Protein backbone atom coordinates (compact mmCIF):
# COMPACT_ATOMS: atom_id res chain seq x y z
CA MET A 1 -91.73 14.31 55.32
CA THR A 2 -89.99 13.74 58.64
CA ASP A 3 -86.64 14.18 56.92
CA LEU A 4 -87.64 17.72 55.89
CA LEU A 5 -88.59 18.64 59.45
CA THR A 6 -85.45 17.30 61.10
CA ARG A 7 -82.77 18.06 58.52
CA THR A 8 -80.26 20.73 59.52
CA LEU A 9 -78.54 23.01 57.07
CA PRO A 10 -74.77 23.37 57.07
CA ALA A 11 -73.40 26.54 58.66
CA PRO A 12 -72.65 29.30 56.13
CA ALA A 13 -69.02 29.52 55.10
CA ALA A 14 -66.96 32.38 56.51
CA PRO A 15 -65.98 35.07 54.00
CA PRO A 16 -62.42 34.85 52.67
CA PRO A 17 -59.77 36.91 54.52
CA GLY A 18 -59.83 40.58 53.54
CA VAL A 19 -63.49 40.51 52.45
CA THR A 20 -65.90 42.43 54.64
CA GLU A 21 -69.63 41.95 54.94
CA PRO A 22 -71.67 44.53 52.97
CA ALA A 23 -73.17 47.37 54.97
CA SER A 24 -76.89 47.47 55.52
CA SER A 25 -78.72 48.97 52.55
CA VAL A 26 -80.31 51.61 54.80
CA SER A 27 -77.10 52.54 56.62
CA GLY A 28 -76.34 56.24 56.16
CA SER A 29 -79.80 56.98 54.82
CA LEU A 30 -82.86 58.81 56.05
CA PHE A 31 -83.89 55.68 57.96
CA ASP A 32 -81.05 56.24 60.45
CA ASP A 33 -82.98 59.24 61.79
CA LEU A 34 -86.49 57.73 61.98
CA VAL A 35 -88.01 56.16 65.09
CA VAL A 36 -91.46 54.56 65.42
CA ILE A 37 -93.35 54.61 68.71
CA VAL A 38 -95.37 51.41 69.21
CA ALA A 39 -98.39 50.63 71.38
CA PRO A 40 -97.53 49.08 74.76
CA SER A 41 -100.92 47.32 74.90
CA THR A 42 -104.23 46.89 73.10
CA GLY A 43 -106.76 49.70 73.50
CA ARG A 44 -107.59 53.16 72.18
CA PHE A 45 -104.73 55.56 71.49
CA ARG A 46 -105.13 58.99 73.09
CA PRO A 47 -102.23 61.29 72.08
CA LEU A 48 -101.43 64.42 74.07
CA ALA A 49 -102.66 67.52 72.28
CA ASP A 50 -99.54 69.68 72.33
CA VAL A 51 -96.65 67.31 71.62
CA ASP A 52 -94.02 68.52 69.15
CA ALA A 53 -90.41 68.09 70.25
CA VAL A 54 -89.94 65.39 72.88
CA GLU A 55 -87.14 64.32 75.18
CA ALA A 56 -86.25 60.67 75.77
CA GLY A 57 -88.89 59.24 78.10
CA ALA A 58 -91.37 62.10 77.53
CA LEU A 59 -95.07 61.25 77.63
CA VAL A 60 -96.64 61.24 74.15
CA GLY A 61 -100.06 59.83 75.03
CA HIS A 62 -101.94 56.87 76.50
CA VAL A 63 -103.47 53.63 75.32
CA THR A 64 -106.71 53.23 77.26
CA GLY A 65 -108.46 49.95 77.85
CA GLY A 66 -111.24 48.45 79.90
CA ARG A 67 -111.82 49.14 83.60
CA GLY A 68 -110.02 52.50 83.53
CA ARG A 69 -106.65 51.14 82.42
CA ALA A 70 -104.38 53.73 80.77
CA ASP A 71 -100.89 52.65 79.67
CA GLU A 72 -98.39 55.43 79.07
CA VAL A 73 -96.87 55.89 75.62
CA ARG A 74 -93.40 57.44 75.92
CA SER A 75 -90.79 58.56 73.43
CA PRO A 76 -87.75 56.24 73.37
CA VAL A 77 -85.42 59.04 72.16
CA ARG A 78 -85.05 62.81 71.96
CA ALA A 79 -86.82 63.70 68.72
CA VAL A 80 -89.43 65.73 66.88
CA LEU A 81 -92.88 64.22 66.39
CA ARG A 82 -93.34 64.01 62.61
CA ASP A 83 -96.79 62.46 62.29
CA LEU A 84 -99.28 60.07 63.84
CA LEU A 85 -99.79 56.70 62.17
CA VAL A 86 -103.26 56.23 63.70
CA ARG A 87 -106.17 58.55 64.45
CA PRO A 88 -106.77 59.74 68.02
CA GLY A 89 -109.18 57.32 69.67
CA GLN A 90 -108.48 54.53 67.17
CA LEU A 91 -108.33 50.95 68.48
CA VAL A 92 -104.73 49.70 68.31
CA ALA A 93 -103.02 46.38 68.99
CA ARG A 94 -99.95 45.84 71.16
CA GLY A 95 -96.82 46.52 69.08
CA GLN A 96 -98.66 48.53 66.41
CA GLY A 97 -96.94 51.72 65.23
CA LEU A 98 -98.55 54.86 66.67
CA ALA A 99 -96.32 57.74 65.58
CA TRP A 100 -93.04 58.37 63.87
CA LEU A 101 -90.29 60.64 65.13
CA GLY A 102 -87.29 62.30 63.54
CA ARG A 103 -84.15 62.38 65.70
CA THR A 104 -82.76 65.81 66.51
């Protein structure tokens, strides 16, 4: 059993000269234009009511927690808000997806 835990695997061989690594399977697809906003902390998600197109760093909502804590949820890029992934007021965990954006 100890041998399985301590054994190291050999490094992968380099590709032969002239051979390139394959491109990502999502490269050049719709996924290039999608962005997910994630929760900065655990609490209840409170989106702003009138958010549609957002600039990078624009406020999208808050995650509220105990003792009056309210962490800002901001857009990482300039984009259009496509849809929420959780309901307003829903309890969310840190890192959970809250909304998805489409780049403009």
